[in-house]
Amino acid sequence: MPKVRKAVVGVLVRDMSVLLIRRSHSLKQHGGEIGFPGGMVKSGESYVGALNRELEEELGLSPSDYFLVGELSPVKTLMTDIKVFPFVALLRNPERIRPNPQEVEEYAMVSLKVLRPLIYEDTANTALGVVWGATARIIRNLFEEGRAFLPEIESILPRR
């Protein structure tokens, strides 16, 4: 049985927006795609350790720049078959973001209101481009599961 490849991503939230990145086109996997900062978990590394390393490598952020508040259900990428573990964190110091151009071409804080269509749809248009795939499923999970640790999400959800 092949070993499951695992990755972590940081769902960085501030003022009801999430930080999305456009990955560098030069990357072998998911180059040019819009998603969350993160990457592969190395052998023997904890998920939180991998998250801290990836946020430092991609955005220049240290753990003092964000505060972990919860985890979302893992999702699998369909094309590369990677199990992705999303961690939600409150972004304390967005002014400290220094993207590594070899990994991140561009980033933006995208309002959760703009991403609301992902509750029902498979894609959403943002200033960075179209959000789809695993990123879209993670955002849908944020709307569904995130109320446990981000109760303010309730205020932008459609009435049931």
C-alpha atoms as a PDB file:
ATOM      1  CA  MET A   1       0.000   0.000   0.000  1.00  0.00           C
ATOM      2  CA  PRO A   2       1.479   3.378  -0.997  1.00  0.00           C
ATOM      3  CA  LYS A   3       2.223   5.878   1.752  1.00  0.00           C
ATOM      4  CA  VAL A   4      -0.252   8.755   1.944  1.00  0.00           C
ATOM      5  CA  ARG A   5       1.393  12.091   1.202  1.00  0.00           C
ATOM      6  CA  LYS A   6       0.393  14.781   3.692  1.00  0.00           C
ATOM      7  CA  ALA A   7       0.456  18.557   3.598  1.00  0.00           C
ATOM      8  CA  VAL A   8      -0.643  21.397   5.854  1.00  0.00           C
ATOM      9  CA  VAL A   9      -2.089  24.792   5.014  1.00  0.00           C
ATOM     10  CA  GLY A  10      -2.677  27.905   7.076  1.00  0.00           C
ATOM     11  CA  VAL A  11      -6.104  29.486   6.798  1.00  0.00           C
ATOM     12  CA  LEU A  12      -5.027  32.902   8.071  1.00  0.00           C
ATOM     13  CA  VAL A  13      -8.014  35.034   9.084  1.00  0.00           C
ATOM     14  CA  ARG A  14      -8.172  38.750   9.839  1.00  0.00           C
ATOM     15  CA  ASP A  15     -11.219  41.027   9.861  1.00  0.00           C
ATOM     16  CA  MET A  16     -13.452  38.407   8.208  1.00  0.00           C
ATOM     17  CA  SER A  17     -10.999  37.901   5.349  1.00  0.00           C
ATOM     18  CA  VAL A  18      -8.605  35.050   4.568  1.00  0.00           C
ATOM     19  CA  LEU A  19      -5.122  35.255   3.114  1.00  0.00           C
ATOM     20  CA  LEU A  20      -4.876  33.567  -0.274  1.00  0.00           C
ATOM     21  CA  ILE A  21      -1.724  33.207  -2.354  1.00  0.00           C
ATOM     22  CA  ARG A  22      -0.959  32.567  -5.997  1.00  0.00           C
ATOM     23  CA  ARG A  23       1.729  29.925  -6.029  1.00  0.00           C
ATOM     24  CA  SER A  24       4.771  30.543  -8.193  1.00  0.00           C
ATOM     25  CA  HIS A  25       4.415  29.164 -11.716  1.00  0.00           C
ATOM     26  CA  SER A  26       7.881  27.628 -11.331  1.00  0.00           C
ATOM     27  CA  LEU A  27       6.703  25.174  -8.651  1.00  0.00           C
ATOM     28  CA  LYS A  28       6.387  21.526  -9.722  1.00  0.00           C
ATOM     29  CA  GLN A  29       3.066  20.944  -7.948  1.00  0.00           C
ATOM     30  CA  HIS A  30       0.115  23.315  -8.161  1.00  0.00           C
ATOM     31  CA  GLY A  31       2.215  26.063  -9.792  1.00  0.00           C
ATOM     32  CA  GLY A  32       0.207  29.203 -10.562  1.00  0.00           C
ATOM     33  CA  GLU A  33      -2.771  28.023  -8.542  1.00  0.00           C
ATOM     34  CA  ILE A  34      -4.546  30.069  -5.913  1.00  0.00           C
ATOM     35  CA  GLY A  35      -4.611  28.569  -2.446  1.00  0.00           C
ATOM     36  CA  PHE A  36      -3.492  28.856   1.113  1.00  0.00           C
ATOM     37  CA  PRO A  37       0.138  29.029   2.231  1.00  0.00           C
ATOM     38  CA  GLY A  38       1.521  25.663   3.250  1.00  0.00           C
ATOM     39  CA  GLY A  39       3.244  22.574   1.981  1.00  0.00           C
ATOM     40  CA  MET A  40       4.318  19.008   2.530  1.00  0.00           C
ATOM     41  CA  VAL A  41       4.863  17.508   5.962  1.00  0.00           C
ATOM     42  CA  LYS A  42       8.390  16.109   6.267  1.00  0.00           C
ATOM     43  CA  SER A  43       9.094  12.729   7.818  1.00  0.00           C
ATOM     44  CA  GLY A  44       9.035  12.940  11.614  1.00  0.00           C
ATOM     45  CA  GLU A  45       7.596  16.461  11.570  1.00  0.00           C
ATOM     46  CA  SER A  46       4.412  17.401  13.446  1.00  0.00           C
ATOM     47  CA  TYR A  47       1.605  19.078  11.530  1.00  0.00           C
ATOM     48  CA  VAL A  48       1.974  22.297  13.532  1.00  0.00           C
ATOM     49  CA  GLY A  49       5.749  22.167  13.077  1.00  0.00           C
ATOM     50  CA  ALA A  50       5.272  21.811   9.315  1.00  0.00           C
ATOM     51  CA  LEU A  51       2.788  24.691   9.321  1.00  0.00           C
ATOM     52  CA  ASN A  52       5.170  26.971  11.224  1.00  0.00           C
ATOM     53  CA  ARG A  53       8.031  26.061   8.853  1.00  0.00           C
ATOM     54  CA  GLU A  54       5.936  26.621   5.731  1.00  0.00           C
ATOM     55  CA  LEU A  55       4.529  29.984   6.888  1.00  0.00           C
ATOM     56  CA  GLU A  56       8.092  31.113   7.609  1.00  0.00           C
ATOM     57  CA  GLU A  57       9.408  29.855   4.247  1.00  0.00           C
ATOM     58  CA  GLU A  58       6.566  31.215   2.118  1.00  0.00           C
ATOM     59  CA  LEU A  59       5.544  34.412   3.910  1.00  0.00           C
ATOM     60  CA  GLY A  60       8.308  35.216   6.406  1.00  0.00           C
ATOM     61  CA  LEU A  61       5.863  34.833   9.319  1.00  0.00           C
ATOM     62  CA  SER A  62       6.852  33.527  12.733  1.00  0.00           C
ATOM     63  CA  PRO A  63       4.406  31.880  15.173  1.00  0.00           C
ATOM     64  CA  SER A  64       4.147  35.182  17.064  1.00  0.00           C
ATOM     65  CA  ASP A  65       2.512  36.690  13.939  1.00  0.00           C
ATOM     66  CA  TYR A  66      -0.533  34.381  14.123  1.00  0.00           C
ATOM     67  CA  PHE A  67      -2.587  32.520  16.730  1.00  0.00           C
ATOM     68  CA  LEU A  68      -3.897  29.014  16.003  1.00  0.00           C
ATOM     69  CA  VAL A  69      -7.593  28.708  16.851  1.00  0.00           C
ATOM     70  CA  GLY A  70      -8.645  25.411  15.281  1.00  0.00           C
ATOM     71  CA  GLU A  71      -8.422  22.721  12.638  1.00  0.00           C
ATOM     72  CA  LEU A  72     -10.732  21.904   9.769  1.00  0.00           C
ATOM     73  CA  SER A  73     -11.454  18.482   8.313  1.00  0.00           C
ATOM     74  CA  PRO A  74      -8.689  17.290   5.997  1.00  0.00           C
ATOM     75  CA  VAL A  75      -9.323  17.275   2.250  1.00  0.00           C
ATOM     76  CA  LYS A  76      -7.623  15.374  -0.564  1.00  0.00           C
ATOM     77  CA  THR A  77      -6.310  16.953  -3.713  1.00  0.00           C
ATOM     78  CA  LEU A  78      -7.848  15.165  -6.667  1.00  0.00           C
ATOM     79  CA  MET A  79      -4.980  15.480  -9.140  1.00  0.00           C
ATOM     80  CA  THR A  80      -1.978  14.879  -6.861  1.00  0.00           C
ATOM     81  CA  ASP A  81      -3.673  12.717  -4.183  1.00  0.00           C
ATOM     82  CA  ILE A  82      -2.303  14.654  -1.214  1.00  0.00           C
ATOM     83  CA  LYS A  83      -4.156  14.725   2.100  1.00  0.00           C
ATOM     84  CA  VAL A  84      -4.249  18.359   3.240  1.00  0.00           C
ATOM     85  CA  PHE A  85      -4.663  19.303   6.909  1.00  0.00           C
ATOM     86  CA  PRO A  86      -5.970  22.894   7.275  1.00  0.00           C
ATOM     87  CA  PHE A  87      -5.217  24.935  10.403  1.00  0.00           C
ATOM     88  CA  VAL A  88      -7.133  28.142  11.096  1.00  0.00           C
ATOM     89  CA  ALA A  89      -5.186  30.995  12.664  1.00  0.00           C
ATOM     90  CA  LEU A  90      -5.852  34.619  13.450  1.00  0.00           C
ATOM     91  CA  LEU A  91      -3.326  36.777  11.622  1.00  0.00           C
ATOM     92  CA  ARG A  92      -1.885  39.219  14.136  1.00  0.00           C
ATOM     93  CA  ASN A  93       0.742  41.044  12.094  1.00  0.00           C
ATOM     94  CA  PRO A  94      -0.116  41.218   8.375  1.00  0.00           C
ATOM     95  CA  GLU A  95       2.446  43.988   7.920  1.00  0.00           C
ATOM     96  CA  ARG A  96       5.176  41.388   8.529  1.00  0.00           C
ATOM     97  CA  ILE A  97       4.254  39.347   5.451  1.00  0.00           C
ATOM     98  CA  ARG A  98       7.278  39.081   3.177  1.00  0.00           C
ATOM     99  CA  PRO A  99       6.433  36.631   0.381  1.00  0.00           C
ATOM    100  CA  ASN A 100       9.209  34.418  -0.926  1.00  0.00           C
ATOM    101  CA  PRO A 101       9.033  35.034  -4.721  1.00  0.00           C
ATOM    102  CA  GLN A 102      10.236  31.499  -5.469  1.00  0.00           C
ATOM    103  CA  GLU A 103       7.079  30.151  -3.811  1.00  0.00           C
ATOM    104  CA  VAL A 104       4.516  32.982  -3.799  1.00  0.00           C
ATOM    105  CA  GLU A 105       3.849  35.246  -6.797  1.00  0.00           C
ATOM    106  CA  GLU A 106       1.107  37.274  -5.168  1.00  0.00           C
ATOM    107  CA  TYR A 107      -1.139  37.336  -2.111  1.00  0.00           C
ATOM    108  CA  ALA A 108      -4.305  39.071  -1.009  1.00  0.00           C
ATOM    109  CA  MET A 109      -6.696  39.228   1.902  1.00  0.00           C
ATOM    110  CA  VAL A 110     -10.001  38.074   0.424  1.00  0.00           C
ATOM    111  CA  SER A 111     -13.271  38.814   2.173  1.00  0.00           C
ATOM    112  CA  LEU A 112     -15.251  35.797   3.291  1.00  0.00           C
ATOM    113  CA  LYS A 113     -18.277  37.545   1.770  1.00  0.00           C
ATOM    114  CA  VAL A 114     -16.596  37.249  -1.653  1.00  0.00           C
ATOM    115  CA  LEU A 115     -16.002  33.550  -0.963  1.00  0.00           C
ATOM    116  CA  ARG A 116     -19.578  32.853   0.194  1.00  0.00           C
ATOM    117  CA  PRO A 117     -20.564  31.302  -3.173  1.00  0.00           C
ATOM    118  CA  LEU A 118     -18.343  28.346  -2.212  1.00  0.00           C
ATOM    119  CA  ILE A 119     -21.032  27.280   0.249  1.00  0.00           C
ATOM    120  CA  TYR A 120     -23.046  26.110  -2.788  1.00  0.00           C
ATOM    121  CA  GLU A 121     -20.691  26.326  -5.773  1.00  0.00           C
ATOM    122  CA  ASP A 122     -17.382  24.710  -6.731  1.00  0.00           C
ATOM    123  CA  THR A 123     -15.646  27.961  -7.727  1.00  0.00           C
ATOM    124  CA  ALA A 124     -15.476  31.615  -6.693  1.00  0.00           C
ATOM    125  CA  ASN A 125     -13.907  34.596  -8.432  1.00  0.00           C
ATOM    126  CA  THR A 126     -11.460  36.722  -6.448  1.00  0.00           C
ATOM    127  CA  ALA A 127      -9.012  39.525  -7.183  1.00  0.00           C
ATOM    128  CA  LEU A 128      -6.313  36.831  -7.522  1.00  0.00           C
ATOM    129  CA  GLY A 129      -8.396  34.690  -9.886  1.00  0.00           C
ATOM    130  CA  VAL A 130     -10.668  31.672  -9.577  1.00  0.00           C
ATOM    131  CA  VAL A 131     -10.653  29.613  -6.370  1.00  0.00           C
ATOM    132  CA  TRP A 132     -11.488  25.946  -6.962  1.00  0.00           C
ATOM    133  CA  GLY A 133     -10.500  22.393  -5.991  1.00  0.00           C
ATOM    134  CA  ALA A 134      -9.110  21.634  -2.544  1.00  0.00           C
ATOM    135  CA  THR A 135      -8.941  25.345  -1.674  1.00  0.00           C
ATOM    136  CA  ALA A 136     -12.658  25.728  -2.400  1.00  0.00           C
ATOM    137  CA  ARG A 137     -13.460  22.642  -0.297  1.00  0.00           C
ATOM    138  CA  ILE A 138     -11.359  24.000   2.612  1.00  0.00           C
ATOM    139  CA  ILE A 139     -13.233  27.313   2.471  1.00  0.00           C
ATOM    140  CA  ARG A 140     -16.562  25.449   2.425  1.00  0.00           C
ATOM    141  CA  ASN A 141     -15.385  23.566   5.518  1.00  0.00           C
ATOM    142  CA  LEU A 142     -14.437  26.882   7.121  1.00  0.00           C
ATOM    143  CA  PHE A 143     -18.026  28.083   6.684  1.00  0.00           C
ATOM    144  CA  GLU A 144     -19.411  24.785   8.004  1.00  0.00           C
ATOM    145  CA  GLU A 145     -16.961  24.000  10.807  1.00  0.00           C
ATOM    146  CA  GLY A 146     -15.339  27.337  11.612  1.00  0.00           C
ATOM    147  CA  ARG A 147     -18.222  28.650  13.700  1.00  0.00           C
ATOM    148  CA  ALA A 148     -16.878  26.565  16.595  1.00  0.00           C
ATOM    149  CA  PHE A 149     -13.823  28.835  16.888  1.00  0.00           C
ATOM    150  CA  LEU A 150     -14.805  31.854  14.732  1.00  0.00           C
ATOM    151  CA  PRO A 151     -18.395  32.589  15.767  1.00  0.00           C
ATOM    152  CA  GLU A 152     -18.436  35.808  13.703  1.00  0.00           C
ATOM    153  CA  ILE A 153     -18.690  33.656  10.559  1.00  0.00           C
ATOM    154  CA  GLU A 154     -22.325  33.105  11.460  1.00  0.00           C
ATOM    155  CA  SER A 155     -23.061  36.766  10.602  1.00  0.00           C
ATOM    156  CA  ILE A 156     -22.219  36.298   6.897  1.00  0.00           C
ATOM    157  CA  LEU A 157     -23.853  32.907   6.355  1.00  0.00           C
ATOM    158  CA  PRO A 158     -27.146  32.727   4.490  1.00  0.00           C
ATOM    159  CA  ARG A 159     -30.196  32.309   6.719  1.00  0.00           C
ATOM    160  CA  ARG A 160     -31.388  28.716   6.977  1.00  0.00           C
END
